[in-house]
Amino acid sequence: MLKRLFDITASFLGILVLSPLLALLAVWIRLDSPGPVLFRQKRIGRNREPFNVLKFRTMTHRDPDTIDQHTEQVVSAGADQRITRAGRFLRMTSLDELPQLLNILKGEMSLVGPRPVIPEQLEVVPHWFEDRFRVRPGITGLAQVRGRRSLSWEEQLKYDTEYARKPLIISDICIIFQTAVVVLAARGIYGDESKNWRAYREKWAPYAQKEIKESS
């Protein structure tokens, strides 16, 4: 209850204080490239319940339902043609995650927690990491301050599970401050194909529970 109260208060104040910035970013995205301002994508949350995560769009517009996540190329630090000019800045500063404050108000996410996975990633979450789904996913988390996308998929799951087994308000506050340092230093923005979740499909698929618990 205390964590939820903290999330509601912080996300409400965040939206209130940042509303001018959110409006400016929305206008920039709209003028920079064709397509919607927000990117909506199905993700898996607490107790494996699906929800639509919100982000500022950073890539050229595509229907999420047409993207084959199994063959999708990992976003690179170089001249990735899928990323827009505005999107490159948004990714560098992590401002593309700000619309998830609305996900927090709706009770789908928390400020701190494991990052929400896409449905396809359930194929590579072995049962010994299942505890990561006991808590609401977060905008930031332990894995984000320990390396973000520079971590391997296994390392991300280990940190997610470590956090989920002992979520504390004091830990959340520490992670939030550490996140500010990581974001300002622009660390771990881009991933590596060899460390990506797709590289674990053959190894871990036999140990994964792939079902999604639809909300009632």
Protein backbone atom coordinates (compact mmCIF):
# COMPACT_ATOMS: atom_id res chain seq x y z
CA MET A 1 0.00 0.00 0.00
CA LEU A 2 2.83 2.39 0.83
CA LYS A 3 4.57 1.65 -2.47
CA ARG A 4 1.34 2.20 -4.40
CA LEU A 5 0.68 5.49 -2.61
CA PHE A 6 4.23 6.59 -3.42
CA ASP A 7 3.72 5.66 -7.10
CA ILE A 8 0.41 7.54 -7.40
CA THR A 9 1.73 10.68 -5.71
CA ALA A 10 5.01 10.76 -7.63
CA SER A 11 3.44 10.04 -11.04
CA PHE A 12 0.67 12.60 -10.55
CA LEU A 13 3.15 15.30 -9.53
CA GLY A 14 5.45 14.25 -12.35
CA ILE A 15 2.72 14.69 -14.97
CA LEU A 16 1.71 18.02 -13.44
CA VAL A 17 5.24 19.46 -13.33
CA LEU A 18 6.35 18.01 -16.67
CA SER A 19 3.19 18.80 -18.65
CA PRO A 20 4.79 21.72 -20.58
CA LEU A 21 7.73 19.48 -21.55
CA LEU A 22 5.39 16.63 -22.51
CA ALA A 23 3.43 19.01 -24.75
CA LEU A 24 6.60 20.31 -26.44
CA LEU A 25 7.87 16.78 -27.07
CA ALA A 26 4.52 15.77 -28.52
CA VAL A 27 4.61 18.69 -30.98
CA TRP A 28 8.21 17.90 -31.97
CA ILE A 29 7.41 14.24 -32.63
CA ARG A 30 4.39 15.19 -34.73
CA LEU A 31 6.39 17.67 -36.83
CA ASP A 32 9.46 15.45 -37.14
CA SER A 33 7.89 12.43 -38.86
CA PRO A 34 4.50 11.07 -39.91
CA GLY A 35 2.65 8.93 -37.40
CA PRO A 36 1.14 9.10 -33.93
CA VAL A 37 2.87 10.80 -31.02
CA LEU A 38 2.49 7.80 -28.73
CA PHE A 39 3.62 4.25 -29.34
CA ARG A 40 1.39 1.60 -27.78
CA GLN A 41 2.60 -1.96 -27.41
CA LYS A 42 1.28 -5.02 -25.63
CA ARG A 43 3.42 -5.92 -22.63
CA ILE A 44 3.20 -8.41 -19.79
CA GLY A 45 2.77 -7.02 -16.29
CA ARG A 46 2.17 -8.22 -12.77
CA ASN A 47 0.92 -11.82 -12.53
CA ARG A 48 1.47 -12.07 -16.32
CA GLU A 49 -1.52 -9.85 -17.06
CA PRO A 50 -1.22 -7.97 -20.39
CA PHE A 51 -1.53 -4.22 -20.78
CA ASN A 52 -0.64 -1.56 -23.35
CA VAL A 53 2.53 0.29 -22.44
CA LEU A 54 2.81 3.92 -23.56
CA LYS A 55 5.95 5.54 -24.94
CA PHE A 56 6.75 8.54 -27.08
CA ARG A 57 7.29 7.22 -30.60
CA THR A 58 11.00 7.16 -31.45
CA MET A 59 10.93 5.17 -34.70
CA THR A 60 9.28 5.50 -38.09
CA HIS A 61 5.64 4.53 -37.73
CA ARG A 62 4.76 0.87 -38.06
CA ASP A 63 1.77 -1.09 -36.85
CA PRO A 64 3.03 -3.05 -33.80
CA ASP A 65 0.95 -6.04 -34.93
CA THR A 66 2.99 -6.28 -38.15
CA ILE A 67 6.37 -6.48 -36.39
CA ASP A 68 7.86 -9.96 -36.11
CA GLN A 69 9.70 -9.73 -32.81
CA HIS A 70 11.58 -12.97 -33.45
CA THR A 71 13.40 -11.48 -36.43
CA GLU A 72 13.39 -7.79 -35.50
CA GLN A 73 16.86 -6.27 -35.53
CA VAL A 74 18.24 -4.93 -32.25
CA VAL A 75 18.33 -1.13 -32.26
CA SER A 76 21.93 -0.07 -32.84
CA ALA A 77 23.92 2.97 -31.79
CA GLY A 78 24.86 3.77 -35.38
CA ALA A 79 22.75 5.18 -38.18
CA ASP A 80 19.70 3.00 -37.56
CA GLN A 81 17.27 4.18 -40.24
CA ARG A 82 14.27 3.18 -38.12
CA ILE A 83 14.97 5.86 -35.51
CA THR A 84 13.71 9.38 -36.18
CA ARG A 85 15.67 12.54 -35.43
CA ALA A 86 13.45 13.30 -32.46
CA GLY A 87 13.61 9.65 -31.46
CA ARG A 88 17.39 9.64 -31.20
CA PHE A 89 17.24 12.49 -28.68
CA LEU A 90 14.37 10.89 -26.78
CA ARG A 91 16.26 7.59 -26.47
CA MET A 92 19.48 9.33 -25.45
CA THR A 93 17.68 11.15 -22.62
CA SER A 94 15.12 8.39 -21.84
CA LEU A 95 12.34 10.98 -22.20
CA ASP A 96 10.46 8.51 -24.41
CA GLU A 97 9.48 6.64 -21.22
CA LEU A 98 7.63 9.57 -19.62
CA PRO A 99 4.13 8.63 -20.91
CA GLN A 100 4.38 5.54 -18.69
CA LEU A 101 3.50 7.84 -15.80
CA LEU A 102 -0.05 7.30 -17.08
CA ASN A 103 0.45 3.54 -16.87
CA ILE A 104 1.43 4.04 -13.24
CA LEU A 105 -1.71 6.04 -12.44
CA LYS A 106 -3.80 3.25 -13.99
CA GLY A 107 -2.15 0.71 -11.71
CA GLU A 108 -0.44 -1.17 -14.54
CA MET A 109 3.09 -0.11 -13.66
CA SER A 110 5.23 1.25 -10.85
CA LEU A 111 8.05 3.78 -10.80
CA VAL A 112 10.47 0.99 -9.90
CA GLY A 113 10.26 -2.65 -10.93
CA PRO A 114 11.28 -5.07 -13.67
CA ARG A 115 10.84 -3.66 -17.17
CA PRO A 116 7.66 -5.08 -18.77
CA VAL A 117 8.41 -7.78 -21.32
CA ILE A 118 6.73 -8.29 -24.68
CA PRO A 119 4.68 -11.51 -25.05
CA GLU A 120 7.34 -13.14 -27.22
CA GLN A 121 9.91 -12.78 -24.46
CA LEU A 122 7.92 -15.16 -22.28
CA GLU A 123 9.46 -17.88 -24.44
CA VAL A 124 12.82 -17.17 -22.79
CA VAL A 125 11.86 -16.58 -19.16
CA PRO A 126 12.70 -19.86 -17.40
CA HIS A 127 10.55 -20.87 -14.46
CA TRP A 128 13.34 -20.07 -11.98
CA PHE A 129 12.89 -16.36 -12.82
CA GLU A 130 9.10 -16.45 -12.44
CA ASP A 131 9.20 -14.30 -9.28
CA ARG A 132 9.85 -11.25 -11.45
CA PHE A 133 6.13 -11.28 -12.31
CA ARG A 134 5.09 -10.96 -8.66
CA VAL A 135 5.43 -7.17 -8.76
CA ARG A 136 4.28 -4.43 -11.10
CA PRO A 137 6.76 -3.62 -13.87
CA GLY A 138 8.57 -0.31 -13.57
CA ILE A 139 9.79 2.62 -15.61
CA THR A 140 13.17 1.92 -14.05
CA GLY A 141 14.55 -0.89 -11.97
CA LEU A 142 17.57 -2.67 -10.57
CA ALA A 143 18.63 -3.95 -14.00
CA GLN A 144 18.40 -0.42 -15.42
CA VAL A 145 20.88 0.98 -12.90
CA ARG A 146 23.20 -2.04 -13.22
CA GLY A 147 23.72 -1.71 -16.96
CA ARG A 148 20.41 -1.44 -18.85
CA ARG A 149 20.71 -2.87 -22.36
CA SER A 150 24.42 -3.55 -22.00
CA LEU A 151 23.45 -6.47 -19.74
CA SER A 152 22.77 -9.90 -21.13
CA TRP A 153 19.20 -11.19 -21.04
CA GLU A 154 20.18 -13.56 -18.21
CA GLU A 155 21.67 -10.72 -16.16
CA GLN A 156 18.52 -8.64 -16.64
CA LEU A 157 16.34 -11.48 -15.39
CA LYS A 158 18.59 -12.08 -12.39
CA TYR A 159 18.36 -8.43 -11.31
CA ASP A 160 14.60 -8.35 -11.97
CA THR A 161 14.10 -11.41 -9.79
CA GLU A 162 16.42 -10.11 -7.07
CA TYR A 163 14.35 -6.93 -6.85
CA ALA A 164 10.97 -8.70 -6.96
CA ARG A 165 11.88 -10.94 -4.03
CA LYS A 166 12.53 -7.95 -1.78
CA PRO A 167 10.83 -4.74 -2.98
CA LEU A 168 11.32 -1.95 -0.45
CA ILE A 169 10.50 1.76 -0.57
CA ILE A 170 14.02 2.69 0.52
CA SER A 171 15.40 0.55 -2.33
CA ASP A 172 13.04 2.28 -4.77
CA ILE A 173 14.27 5.70 -3.69
CA CYS A 174 17.91 4.64 -4.11
CA ILE A 175 17.19 3.19 -7.56
CA ILE A 176 15.43 6.40 -8.65
CA PHE A 177 18.47 8.50 -7.69
CA GLN A 178 20.81 6.02 -9.38
CA THR A 179 18.63 6.14 -12.49
CA ALA A 180 19.16 9.90 -12.74
CA VAL A 181 22.93 9.33 -12.78
CA VAL A 182 22.66 6.59 -15.42
CA VAL A 183 20.40 8.70 -17.64
CA LEU A 184 22.62 11.79 -17.39
CA ALA A 185 25.63 9.66 -18.31
CA ALA A 186 23.66 8.09 -21.21
CA ARG A 187 24.80 4.60 -20.23
CA GLY A 188 23.48 1.34 -21.67
CA ILE A 189 21.14 2.88 -24.23
CA TYR A 190 21.76 0.32 -26.95
CA GLY A 191 21.98 -3.45 -26.80
CA ASP A 192 24.05 -6.21 -28.34
CA GLU A 193 22.74 -8.98 -30.59
CA SER A 194 24.74 -11.63 -28.73
CA LYS A 195 23.21 -10.59 -25.38
CA ASN A 196 19.66 -10.11 -26.67
CA TRP A 197 16.79 -12.31 -25.51
CA ARG A 198 16.52 -13.89 -28.96
CA ALA A 199 19.94 -15.49 -28.43
CA TYR A 200 18.47 -17.55 -25.56
CA ARG A 201 15.51 -19.05 -27.41
CA GLU A 202 17.08 -22.43 -28.13
CA LYS A 203 18.67 -22.70 -24.67
CA TRP A 204 15.75 -21.68 -22.45
CA ALA A 205 12.55 -22.31 -24.44
CA PRO A 206 12.07 -25.80 -22.88
CA TYR A 207 12.02 -24.27 -19.39
CA ALA A 208 9.67 -21.35 -20.05
CA GLN A 209 6.02 -20.89 -19.13
CA LYS A 210 4.52 -19.02 -22.05
CA GLU A 211 0.92 -18.49 -20.95
CA ILE A 212 -0.57 -15.03 -20.48
CA LYS A 213 -3.17 -14.45 -17.77
CA GLU A 214 -5.81 -12.25 -19.36
CA SER A 215 -7.38 -9.68 -17.05
CA SER A 216 -10.99 -10.34 -16.06
